């Protein structure tokens, strides 16, 4: 799907309308030739009533200014020691970048301001070392940001903070973006960098549960590309703070922001919070619960009958959705490794818990599992819920020929004449 495909975008509008996205843009991207296109992507988000906050860094510009002035900059990323000379360079660089962003937004007929909403205090003395003018976010003026967003104005926030005495501090832009996203209860925090995403041992991570990234940081921190370590650390902190999705993308990719937001494949790294904590792998004690859950659907011929031995044989394929430790929904992922295909099967939600988005969550959970396993296609069979899979899950109607050989044989023997639905998981 092309990111500009209107039909592809439309399916996301209901879930993103009036939601807040925080875009954390590295300074190197602001001066890149593709930045104008990136701002066009921002204009598209605003046209869809998505609220946008821009937070920008300035490390590349601080480095360039310091070299030009033959000054040894003590703190490029806002995390080290900031002396007086570096602070002056940071002020010049940040203000220049803020102005460039405001100019670019104006070109796209977007209203924007640079508000002093970051209240900071000195980072202080750490292990005997005074960090001077390096600051830490104390709080965010949420009321002002909400007022601006309500009026359709885009806040542009530099990597600077101010204390009650009017002093200015250099703060880490990733930390600012995190604080703003948490304060506004943002739906997405998107780090826009000069890298393709988070790299571990040189391999691009496409999607990862925050708990898994936390494990990588604890056990394999040196395997993460140094220039992306801050993004990884702040992604974990963001998910733990309640932001459901954190993205790390390359801002030099044409229409990359739209491709990341409005397609299931994306272009970079997606770190997702433990919102699936209610979903767990089925255990032997759950076999009866699965049968009881699906009994009505089996009787109405909506689902195929599965005997206890059948479920036990493939128990590792089943997952349970729990509320207060009570199974209220189930789903299965049957894998056909030779064909790199997976079958989403046995999806059922207790009628008492319908219309709460549980079915969608289970579909997305299985999609994520399938991608983690390197599968390229997801199939599902349905006699009565095929329109649901098409409208809510993004599946398209296929034919029995799309089924792996062994599955096709069972399909023919069943006589159910189910519709075959297909969803590609990778880019063409």
Protein backbone atom coordinates (compact mmCIF):
# COMPACT_ATOMS: atom_id res chain seq x y z
CA UNK A 1 0.00 0.00 0.00
CA UNK A 2 1.29 3.43 -0.91
CA UNK A 3 1.27 5.71 2.12
CA UNK A 4 -0.78 8.23 0.17
CA UNK A 5 -3.45 5.66 -0.71
CA UNK A 6 -6.60 7.30 0.65
CA UNK A 7 -8.36 4.01 1.34
CA UNK A 8 -5.43 2.84 3.42
CA UNK A 9 -5.45 6.05 5.45
CA UNK A 10 -9.20 6.13 6.00
CA UNK A 11 -9.28 2.93 8.03
CA UNK A 12 -7.07 4.56 10.68
CA UNK A 13 -8.98 7.83 11.01
CA UNK A 14 -11.54 6.69 13.63
CA UNK A 15 -8.86 5.52 16.05
CA UNK A 16 -6.57 8.55 15.58
CA UNK A 17 -9.05 11.43 15.29
CA UNK A 18 -8.53 14.02 18.07
CA UNK A 19 -5.63 11.97 19.44
CA UNK A 20 -2.21 13.49 20.13
CA UNK A 21 1.03 12.52 18.37
CA UNK A 22 4.35 13.84 19.68
CA UNK A 23 7.01 14.03 16.97
CA UNK A 24 10.58 14.17 18.30
CA UNK A 25 12.73 15.38 15.39
CA UNK A 26 16.52 15.24 15.46
CA UNK A 27 18.25 18.48 14.50
CA UNK A 28 19.94 16.81 11.53
CA UNK A 29 16.51 16.09 10.01
CA UNK A 30 15.34 19.69 10.25
CA UNK A 31 18.10 20.79 7.88
CA UNK A 32 17.76 17.77 5.58
CA UNK A 33 16.37 18.30 2.08
CA UNK A 34 13.47 15.91 2.86
CA UNK A 35 12.25 18.05 5.77
CA UNK A 36 9.83 19.94 3.52
CA UNK A 37 8.19 16.63 2.60
CA UNK A 38 8.06 15.64 6.26
CA UNK A 39 6.13 18.83 7.01
CA UNK A 40 3.69 17.91 4.24
CA UNK A 41 3.12 14.65 6.14
CA UNK A 42 2.46 16.71 9.27
CA UNK A 43 -0.07 18.74 7.28
CA UNK A 44 -1.86 15.50 6.35
CA UNK A 45 -2.03 14.50 10.03
CA UNK A 46 -3.52 17.85 10.93
CA UNK A 47 -6.05 17.62 8.09
CA UNK A 48 -7.28 14.39 9.69
CA UNK A 49 -7.82 16.14 13.03
CA UNK A 50 -4.78 14.52 14.62
CA UNK A 51 -3.19 16.83 17.18
CA UNK A 52 0.54 17.25 16.65
CA UNK A 53 3.33 18.50 18.92
CA UNK A 54 6.84 18.95 17.49
CA UNK A 55 9.88 18.60 19.76
CA UNK A 56 13.24 19.11 18.10
CA UNK A 57 16.85 18.45 18.96
CA UNK A 58 19.91 20.48 17.98
CA UNK A 59 22.96 18.24 18.47
CA UNK A 60 24.14 18.41 14.84
CA UNK A 61 23.83 22.19 14.75
CA UNK A 62 25.55 22.67 18.12
CA UNK A 63 28.45 20.58 16.88
CA UNK A 64 28.70 22.55 13.64
CA UNK A 65 28.53 25.93 15.40
CA UNK A 66 31.10 24.86 17.99
CA UNK A 67 33.51 23.77 15.26
CA UNK A 68 32.96 27.02 13.36
CA UNK A 69 33.66 29.10 16.45
CA UNK A 70 36.52 26.82 17.52
CA UNK A 71 34.75 26.15 20.81
CA UNK A 72 34.91 22.76 22.48
CA UNK A 73 31.24 21.97 23.08
CA UNK A 74 30.90 20.13 26.36
CA UNK A 75 27.43 18.76 25.77
CA UNK A 76 25.97 17.91 22.38
CA UNK A 77 22.95 15.79 23.32
CA UNK A 78 21.77 17.55 26.45
CA UNK A 79 22.82 14.72 28.75
CA UNK A 80 26.36 15.76 29.74
CA UNK A 81 27.86 18.89 31.28
CA UNK A 82 26.80 22.21 29.75
CA UNK A 83 29.18 25.08 30.37
CA UNK A 84 28.33 28.73 29.66
CA UNK A 85 29.92 28.71 26.19
CA UNK A 86 28.02 25.58 25.14
CA UNK A 87 24.76 27.01 26.46
CA UNK A 88 25.15 30.09 24.26
CA UNK A 89 25.81 27.91 21.23
CA UNK A 90 22.82 25.72 22.15
CA UNK A 91 20.59 28.81 22.38
CA UNK A 92 21.71 30.02 18.96
CA UNK A 93 21.28 26.59 17.35
CA UNK A 94 17.93 25.82 18.96
CA UNK A 95 16.41 29.22 18.17
CA UNK A 96 17.56 29.01 14.56
CA UNK A 97 16.03 25.54 14.16
CA UNK A 98 12.78 26.57 15.84
CA UNK A 99 12.52 29.46 13.37
CA UNK A 100 13.14 27.15 10.41
CA UNK A 101 10.40 24.80 11.60
CA UNK A 102 7.95 27.67 12.10
CA UNK A 103 8.76 28.92 8.60
CA UNK A 104 8.18 25.47 7.13
CA UNK A 105 4.86 25.05 8.92
CA UNK A 106 3.74 28.47 7.71
CA UNK A 107 4.56 27.43 4.15
CA UNK A 108 2.06 24.60 4.62
CA UNK A 109 -0.56 26.99 6.01
CA UNK A 110 -0.23 25.51 9.50
CA UNK A 111 -0.41 27.69 12.59
CA UNK A 112 2.38 27.10 15.11
CA UNK A 113 4.07 28.74 18.10
CA UNK A 114 7.09 28.13 20.30
CA UNK A 115 5.71 28.15 23.88
CA UNK A 116 7.79 28.21 27.08
CA UNK A 117 6.07 25.12 28.47
CA UNK A 118 9.11 23.20 29.73
CA UNK A 119 9.82 24.03 33.35
CA UNK A 120 13.26 22.71 34.24
CA UNK A 121 15.68 22.68 37.13
CA UNK A 122 19.44 22.06 37.18
CA UNK A 123 20.49 18.45 36.79
CA UNK A 124 22.84 19.31 39.65
CA UNK A 125 25.87 17.56 41.04
CA UNK A 126 26.09 13.89 40.16
CA UNK A 127 28.90 11.78 41.61
CA UNK A 128 30.73 14.97 42.52
CA UNK A 129 30.42 16.55 39.07
CA UNK A 130 28.43 19.77 38.63
CA UNK A 131 26.50 19.63 35.35
CA UNK A 132 26.18 23.44 35.36
CA UNK A 133 23.59 24.51 32.74
CA UNK A 134 22.33 21.04 31.93
CA UNK A 135 18.74 20.78 33.06
CA UNK A 136 16.10 18.19 33.74
CA UNK A 137 12.41 18.53 32.99
CA UNK A 138 10.56 19.29 36.20
CA UNK A 139 7.09 19.60 34.72
CA UNK A 140 5.22 20.49 31.54
CA UNK A 141 2.67 23.27 31.28
CA UNK A 142 -0.11 20.97 30.10
CA UNK A 143 -2.80 23.63 30.33
CA UNK A 144 -1.05 25.85 27.79
CA UNK A 145 -0.35 22.95 25.42
CA UNK A 146 -3.96 21.77 25.58
CA UNK A 147 -5.18 25.30 24.87
CA UNK A 148 -2.97 25.53 21.79
CA UNK A 149 -3.92 22.09 20.51
CA UNK A 150 -7.62 22.78 20.98
CA UNK A 151 -7.22 25.84 18.75
CA UNK A 152 -5.47 23.84 16.05
CA UNK A 153 -2.04 25.35 16.79
CA UNK A 154 1.08 23.18 16.61
CA UNK A 155 3.47 23.70 19.56
CA UNK A 156 7.13 23.64 18.51
CA UNK A 157 9.31 22.87 21.53
CA UNK A 158 13.13 23.30 21.52
CA UNK A 159 15.55 21.37 23.77
CA UNK A 160 15.54 24.16 26.33
CA UNK A 161 13.88 24.56 29.71
CA UNK A 162 13.30 27.49 32.05
CA UNK A 163 13.18 27.74 35.81
CA UNK A 164 11.17 30.09 38.01
CA UNK A 165 14.01 32.63 38.03
CA UNK A 166 14.08 32.87 34.26
CA UNK A 167 17.28 30.89 33.84
CA UNK A 168 17.64 28.72 30.74
CA UNK A 169 18.92 25.14 30.76
CA UNK A 170 19.95 22.78 28.01
CA UNK A 171 17.76 19.65 28.22
CA UNK A 172 17.85 16.41 26.29
CA UNK A 173 15.28 16.58 23.47
CA UNK A 174 14.35 12.91 23.86
CA UNK A 175 13.61 13.57 27.51
CA UNK A 176 11.51 16.61 26.59
CA UNK A 177 9.53 14.57 24.05
CA UNK A 178 8.92 11.86 26.64
CA UNK A 179 7.76 14.36 29.26
CA UNK A 180 5.42 16.09 26.79
CA UNK A 181 3.98 12.79 25.53
CA UNK A 182 3.37 11.58 29.07
CA UNK A 183 1.81 14.86 30.17
CA UNK A 184 -0.54 14.97 27.18
CA UNK A 185 -1.31 11.22 27.35
CA UNK A 186 -0.24 10.96 23.73
CA UNK A 187 -1.30 8.03 21.58
CA UNK A 188 2.06 7.95 19.79
CA UNK A 189 5.59 9.18 20.39
CA UNK A 190 7.53 9.16 17.13
CA UNK A 191 11.31 9.68 17.11
CA UNK A 192 12.33 10.98 13.68
CA UNK A 193 16.03 10.34 13.19
CA UNK A 194 18.70 9.88 10.54
CA UNK A 195 18.61 6.11 11.17
CA UNK A 196 16.23 3.44 9.84
CA UNK A 197 15.17 2.45 13.35
CA UNK A 198 16.64 0.68 16.38
CA UNK A 199 19.49 -1.58 15.35
CA UNK A 200 20.61 -4.51 17.50
CA UNK A 201 23.85 -6.12 16.30
CA UNK A 202 23.34 -4.25 13.06
CA UNK A 203 19.88 -5.78 12.48
CA UNK A 204 16.85 -3.53 12.23
CA UNK A 205 14.17 -4.32 14.81
CA UNK A 206 10.80 -3.95 13.11
CA UNK A 207 8.51 -4.53 16.10
CA UNK A 208 9.24 -5.36 19.70
CA UNK A 209 7.32 -5.61 22.95
CA UNK A 210 8.65 -3.09 25.46
CA UNK A 211 9.50 -5.88 27.92
CA UNK A 212 11.71 -7.49 25.25
CA UNK A 213 13.49 -4.20 24.52
CA UNK A 214 14.02 -3.74 28.24
CA UNK A 215 15.69 -7.16 28.33
CA UNK A 216 17.94 -6.21 25.42
CA UNK A 217 18.97 -3.02 27.24
CA UNK A 218 19.72 -4.99 30.39
CA UNK A 219 21.61 -7.86 28.75
CA UNK A 220 22.87 -6.57 25.39
CA UNK A 221 23.13 -2.80 25.71
CA UNK A 222 26.39 -2.74 23.76
CA UNK A 223 24.66 -4.43 20.83
CA UNK A 224 22.43 -1.38 20.27
CA UNK A 225 23.86 1.24 17.92
CA UNK A 226 25.22 4.04 20.18
CA UNK A 227 23.39 6.81 18.31
CA UNK A 228 20.10 5.00 19.02
CA UNK A 229 20.64 4.11 22.66
CA UNK A 230 18.86 7.24 23.91
CA UNK A 231 15.87 6.47 21.67
CA UNK A 232 15.69 2.91 23.01
CA UNK A 233 15.90 4.03 26.65
CA UNK A 234 13.25 6.70 26.19
CA UNK A 235 11.02 4.30 24.24
CA UNK A 236 10.98 1.95 27.22
CA UNK A 237 10.29 4.82 29.62
CA UNK A 238 7.47 6.09 27.37
CA UNK A 239 5.70 2.74 27.19
CA UNK A 240 5.99 2.38 30.95
CA UNK A 241 4.50 5.86 31.31
CA UNK A 242 1.39 4.78 29.45
CA UNK A 243 2.14 5.71 25.84
CA UNK A 244 0.93 2.68 23.87
CA UNK A 245 3.12 3.07 20.76
CA UNK A 246 6.64 4.45 20.28
CA UNK A 247 8.12 4.62 16.78
CA UNK A 248 11.69 5.25 15.61
CA UNK A 249 11.89 6.13 11.90
CA UNK A 250 14.22 7.61 9.31
CA UNK A 251 13.14 11.18 8.55
CA UNK A 252 14.97 11.12 5.22
CA UNK A 253 12.55 8.58 3.72
CA UNK A 254 10.04 10.22 1.40
CA UNK A 255 6.53 10.06 2.91
CA UNK A 256 8.04 7.96 5.70
CA UNK A 257 5.92 9.45 8.48
CA UNK A 258 2.67 8.59 6.67
CA UNK A 259 3.96 5.12 5.82
CA UNK A 260 4.77 4.48 9.48
CA UNK A 261 1.46 5.75 10.82
CA UNK A 262 -0.93 4.52 8.14
CA UNK A 263 0.34 1.06 7.26
CA UNK A 264 0.77 -2.13 9.25
CA UNK A 265 4.28 -2.67 7.88
CA UNK A 266 5.70 0.76 8.69
CA UNK A 267 9.22 1.76 7.76
CA UNK A 268 11.09 1.76 11.06
CA UNK A 269 10.88 0.31 14.57
CA UNK A 270 7.68 0.02 16.59
CA UNK A 271 7.94 -0.50 20.33
CA UNK A 272 4.57 -1.31 21.83
CA UNK A 273 3.50 -1.26 25.45
CA UNK A 274 2.26 -4.24 27.41
CA UNK A 275 -1.35 -3.54 26.51
CA UNK A 276 -1.50 -7.22 25.62
CA UNK A 277 -0.75 -8.16 29.21
CA UNK A 278 -4.26 -9.64 29.33
CA UNK A 279 -3.30 -11.99 26.50
CA UNK A 280 -1.36 -15.11 27.42
CA UNK A 281 -0.54 -18.44 25.91
CA UNK A 282 -3.13 -21.12 26.66
CA UNK A 283 -2.31 -23.86 29.13
CA UNK A 284 -3.74 -27.35 29.57
CA UNK A 285 -6.21 -26.09 32.17
CA UNK A 286 -7.64 -23.75 29.51
CA UNK A 287 -8.79 -26.45 27.10
CA UNK A 288 -12.21 -26.73 28.73
CA UNK A 289 -12.51 -22.93 28.86
CA UNK A 290 -11.82 -22.72 25.11
CA UNK A 291 -14.50 -25.32 24.42
CA UNK A 292 -17.03 -23.56 26.66
CA UNK A 293 -16.20 -20.17 25.17
CA UNK A 294 -16.72 -21.33 21.61
CA UNK A 295 -19.64 -23.70 22.21
CA UNK A 296 -22.34 -21.31 20.96
CA UNK A 297 -20.29 -20.39 17.88
CA UNK A 298 -19.74 -24.07 17.07
CA UNK A 299 -23.45 -24.79 17.44
CA UNK A 300 -24.30 -21.94 15.07
CA UNK A 301 -21.67 -23.20 12.60
CA UNK A 302 -19.71 -19.97 12.95
CA UNK A 303 -16.66 -21.89 14.16
CA UNK A 304 -15.44 -25.36 13.32
CA UNK A 305 -15.85 -27.95 16.09
CA UNK A 306 -12.62 -28.73 17.91
CA UNK A 307 -12.40 -31.75 20.17
CA UNK A 308 -10.35 -31.76 23.34
CA UNK A 309 -7.60 -33.92 21.74
CA UNK A 310 -7.48 -31.55 18.75
CA UNK A 311 -6.94 -28.53 20.99
CA UNK A 312 -4.44 -30.33 23.21
CA UNK A 313 -2.43 -31.44 20.19
CA UNK A 314 -1.92 -27.81 19.10
CA UNK A 315 -2.21 -26.14 22.50
CA UNK A 316 0.89 -24.05 21.87
CA UNK A 317 -0.98 -22.28 19.05
CA UNK A 318 -3.77 -20.95 21.32
CA UNK A 319 -3.96 -17.70 23.28
CA UNK A 320 -6.41 -16.53 25.93
CA UNK A 321 -7.64 -13.00 26.65
CA UNK A 322 -8.32 -12.58 30.37
CA UNK A 323 -10.23 -10.01 32.39
CA UNK A 324 -9.77 -10.40 36.15
CA UNK A 325 -8.17 -13.79 35.41
CA UNK A 326 -11.32 -14.98 33.63
CA UNK A 327 -11.00 -16.13 29.99
CA UNK A 328 -13.31 -13.99 27.86
CA UNK A 329 -11.84 -14.56 24.41
CA UNK A 330 -9.50 -16.85 22.54
CA UNK A 331 -7.56 -17.08 19.29
CA UNK A 332 -5.02 -19.39 17.65
CA UNK A 333 -2.12 -19.02 15.24
CA UNK A 334 -1.35 -22.14 13.20
CA UNK A 335 1.97 -21.83 11.37
CA UNK A 336 2.94 -23.27 7.99
CA UNK A 337 6.68 -22.53 7.95
CA UNK A 338 7.43 -23.87 4.47
CA UNK A 339 5.00 -21.44 2.89
CA UNK A 340 5.80 -18.69 5.45
CA UNK A 341 2.08 -18.47 6.15
CA UNK A 342 0.08 -18.40 9.35
CA UNK A 343 -3.59 -19.10 9.94
CA UNK A 344 -5.52 -16.93 12.38
CA UNK A 345 -8.08 -19.36 13.77
CA UNK A 346 -10.63 -19.86 16.53
CA UNK A 347 -11.14 -16.14 17.17
CA UNK A 348 -14.06 -15.74 19.54
CA UNK A 349 -15.13 -13.14 22.10
CA UNK A 350 -17.71 -13.80 24.82
CA UNK A 351 -20.86 -11.86 23.81
CA UNK A 352 -20.85 -10.13 27.22
CA UNK A 353 -17.54 -8.52 26.25
CA UNK A 354 -18.28 -7.62 22.63
CA UNK A 355 -17.79 -4.11 21.22
CA UNK A 356 -14.81 -3.41 23.47
CA UNK A 357 -12.12 -3.83 20.83
CA UNK A 358 -10.99 -7.22 22.18
CA UNK A 359 -11.33 -8.89 18.78
CA UNK A 360 -9.17 -6.22 17.17
CA UNK A 361 -6.55 -6.58 19.88
CA UNK A 362 -6.40 -10.32 19.34
CA UNK A 363 -6.06 -9.88 15.58
CA UNK A 364 -3.25 -7.34 16.08
CA UNK A 365 -1.60 -9.62 18.62
CA UNK A 366 -1.57 -12.50 16.13
CA UNK A 367 -0.26 -10.21 13.39
CA UNK A 368 2.62 -9.13 15.63
CA UNK A 369 3.37 -12.76 16.51
CA UNK A 370 3.33 -13.71 12.83
CA UNK A 371 5.72 -10.90 11.94
CA UNK A 372 8.07 -11.82 14.78
CA UNK A 373 8.16 -15.35 13.35
CA UNK A 374 9.08 -14.03 9.91
CA UNK A 375 5.80 -15.00 8.26
CA UNK A 376 4.83 -13.10 5.12
CA UNK A 377 1.12 -13.83 4.97
CA UNK A 378 -1.77 -14.36 7.34
CA UNK A 379 -4.87 -16.29 6.31
CA UNK A 380 -8.16 -16.89 8.04
CA UNK A 381 -11.30 -18.84 7.15
CA UNK A 382 -14.79 -17.65 7.98
CA UNK A 383 -18.38 -18.55 7.18
CA UNK A 384 -20.12 -15.68 8.97
CA UNK A 385 -17.60 -13.10 10.20
CA UNK A 386 -15.75 -12.44 6.94
CA UNK A 387 -16.96 -8.83 6.73
CA UNK A 388 -15.53 -8.22 10.23
CA UNK A 389 -12.10 -9.50 9.16
CA UNK A 390 -12.24 -7.33 6.06
CA UNK A 391 -13.40 -4.09 7.71
CA UNK A 392 -11.64 -4.38 11.08
CA UNK A 393 -8.67 -6.58 10.31
CA UNK A 394 -7.68 -5.41 6.85
CA UNK A 395 -8.04 -8.84 5.24
CA UNK A 396 -8.92 -9.27 1.56
CA UNK A 397 -10.90 -12.08 0.01
CA UNK A 398 -8.77 -14.82 -1.48
CA UNK A 399 -9.41 -18.30 -2.85
CA UNK A 400 -8.82 -21.85 -1.57
CA UNK A 401 -5.69 -21.85 -3.73
CA UNK A 402 -4.13 -19.44 -1.20
CA UNK A 403 -4.16 -22.21 1.42
CA UNK A 404 -1.06 -24.33 2.08
CA UNK A 405 -1.45 -27.86 0.61
CA UNK A 406 -2.19 -29.59 3.92
CA UNK A 407 -4.67 -26.95 4.94
CA UNK A 408 -6.33 -27.03 1.53
CA UNK A 409 -6.97 -30.75 1.95
CA UNK A 410 -8.72 -30.19 5.30
CA UNK A 411 -10.68 -27.33 3.77
CA UNK A 412 -12.01 -29.54 0.99
CA UNK A 413 -12.88 -32.34 3.43
CA UNK A 414 -14.78 -30.05 5.82
CA UNK A 415 -17.46 -29.11 3.31
CA UNK A 416 -17.97 -25.79 5.17
CA UNK A 417 -17.25 -23.73 2.05
CA UNK A 418 -15.68 -21.00 4.21
CA UNK A 419 -14.46 -17.79 2.64
CA UNK A 420 -10.68 -17.61 2.51
CA UNK A 421 -9.30 -14.24 3.62
CA UNK A 422 -5.70 -13.13 3.15
CA UNK A 423 -3.50 -10.39 4.58
CA UNK A 424 0.03 -9.69 3.39
CA UNK A 425 2.41 -8.91 6.24
CA UNK A 426 5.38 -7.62 4.27
CA UNK A 427 5.82 -4.98 1.63
CA UNK A 428 5.56 -6.15 -1.94
